[in-house]
Amino acid sequence: MSYQDIYTAELAETLRGGASLYDVREPEEYAQGHIPGAVNLPLSELQGREDEIRTPAVIVCLSGGRSASAAGYLTDQGKADIMNLVGGTMGWIREGRDVETGPGA
C-alpha cells in the first residue's frame, strides 16, 4: 500500500470531496501560517495518534518532505486513502493562496 501525491491545484476539489487536511509541522511552525482548515498533528506526535486521522486524508508540511514521511508511515500502518501535498505550505503560499495564522482549535 502506498500514498498518492497531489498538487495544490487539486487540493480544493479533494477537500470538497470529503478529505481531511492534516499539517504535520510543529505547533510553532503551524501557527506562523497554515492552509485554512488544516488540523495540526505534529509528526513528532503521530506515532500513537494514527486513529485521529480520518480518511481520505491529505498530509501537508512546509515543503512536502515531512508530509511524505508521515504519509508513508500511515500507509505502513494500514491506512488507506492517504495523500501527500507536493510542495507543501510553501508551494501554497508561492501561488499566492491564503493562509491562516495562530494556533489551531
Protein backbone atom coordinates (compact mmCIF):
# COMPACT_ATOMS: atom_id res chain seq x y z
CA MET A 1 0.00 0.00 0.00
CA SER A 2 1.26 3.47 -0.79
CA TYR A 3 0.09 7.04 -0.65
CA GLN A 4 -0.77 9.32 -3.56
CA ASP A 5 0.91 12.65 -4.31
CA ILE A 6 -1.45 15.52 -5.10
CA TYR A 7 -0.74 19.12 -6.07
CA THR A 8 -2.08 22.41 -4.72
CA ALA A 9 -4.36 22.84 -7.75
CA GLU A 10 -6.11 19.59 -6.75
CA LEU A 11 -6.47 20.36 -3.05
CA ALA A 12 -9.75 22.31 -3.02
CA GLU A 13 -11.55 19.65 -5.05
CA THR A 14 -10.10 16.89 -2.88
CA LEU A 15 -11.31 18.63 0.27
CA ARG A 16 -14.74 19.25 -1.26
CA GLY A 17 -14.84 15.52 -1.94
CA GLY A 18 -14.63 14.86 1.79
CA ALA A 19 -10.92 14.60 2.51
CA SER A 20 -9.44 15.90 5.77
CA LEU A 21 -6.27 18.03 5.83
CA TYR A 22 -3.53 17.42 8.43
CA ASP A 23 -0.46 19.64 8.89
CA VAL A 24 2.39 17.64 10.46
CA ARG A 25 4.63 20.61 11.31
CA GLU A 26 5.36 21.54 14.90
CA PRO A 27 2.83 23.90 16.57
CA GLU A 28 5.12 26.96 16.31
CA GLU A 29 5.52 26.44 12.54
CA TYR A 30 1.82 25.79 12.06
CA ALA A 31 0.92 28.99 13.95
CA GLN A 32 3.11 31.07 11.61
CA GLY A 33 0.89 30.17 8.66
CA HIS A 34 -1.12 27.16 7.56
CA ILE A 35 -3.60 26.23 4.87
CA PRO A 36 -7.13 27.13 6.03
CA GLY A 37 -8.87 24.13 7.53
CA ALA A 38 -5.70 22.19 8.29
CA VAL A 39 -5.60 20.31 11.58
CA ASN A 40 -2.22 20.38 13.33
CA LEU A 41 -0.94 16.90 14.18
CA PRO A 42 2.85 17.18 14.56
CA LEU A 43 4.96 14.44 13.02
CA SER A 44 6.70 14.10 16.40
CA GLU A 45 3.35 13.05 17.91
CA LEU A 46 1.97 10.99 15.03
CA GLN A 47 3.00 7.61 16.38
CA GLY A 48 0.24 6.60 18.76
CA ARG A 49 -2.25 9.11 17.32
CA GLU A 50 -2.87 7.39 13.98
CA ASP A 51 -6.51 6.77 14.93
CA GLU A 52 -7.12 10.55 14.86
CA ILE A 53 -6.56 10.57 11.09
CA ARG A 54 -9.90 10.49 9.25
CA THR A 55 -9.57 9.23 5.70
CA PRO A 56 -9.41 10.17 2.98
CA ALA A 57 -6.67 12.43 4.27
CA VAL A 58 -4.23 14.92 2.78
CA ILE A 59 -0.98 15.37 4.72
CA VAL A 60 0.94 18.65 4.44
CA CYS A 61 4.11 20.20 5.92
CA LEU A 62 6.29 23.13 4.84
CA SER A 63 7.68 21.72 1.59
CA GLY A 64 6.50 18.12 1.27
CA GLY A 65 9.29 16.13 2.95
CA ARG A 66 7.85 15.53 6.41
CA SER A 67 4.38 15.02 4.98
CA ALA A 68 5.74 12.34 2.62
CA SER A 69 7.34 10.61 5.63
CA ALA A 70 4.07 10.85 7.56
CA ALA A 71 2.04 9.59 4.59
CA GLY A 72 4.42 6.64 4.20
CA TYR A 73 4.19 5.86 7.89
CA LEU A 74 0.38 6.00 7.85
CA THR A 75 0.12 3.69 4.87
CA ASP A 76 2.59 1.31 6.54
CA GLN A 77 0.17 1.28 9.49
CA GLY A 78 -2.62 0.13 7.17
CA LYS A 79 -4.31 3.47 6.50
CA ALA A 80 -5.85 3.74 3.03
CA ASP A 81 -6.69 6.89 1.07
CA ILE A 82 -3.66 8.89 2.25
CA MET A 83 -2.36 11.74 0.06
CA ASN A 84 0.75 13.92 0.29
CA LEU A 85 0.56 17.58 -0.79
CA VAL A 86 3.56 18.10 -3.07
CA GLY A 87 5.25 21.46 -2.44
CA GLY A 88 3.53 21.80 0.92
CA THR A 89 2.51 25.05 2.55
CA MET A 90 5.45 26.86 0.91
CA GLY A 91 4.13 25.92 -2.54
CA TRP A 92 0.64 27.02 -1.49
CA ILE A 93 1.99 30.44 -0.41
CA ARG A 94 4.16 30.80 -3.54
CA GLU A 95 0.98 30.50 -5.60
CA GLY A 96 -0.49 33.47 -3.72
CA ARG A 97 -3.05 31.43 -1.81
CA ASP A 98 -4.37 32.48 1.60
CA VAL A 99 -3.07 31.12 4.89
CA GLU A 100 -4.35 31.35 8.44
CA THR A 101 -2.09 32.20 11.37
CA GLY A 102 -2.30 31.31 15.03
CA PRO A 103 -2.76 28.07 16.86
CA GLY A 104 -5.33 25.55 15.74
CA ALA A 105 -8.57 24.86 17.52
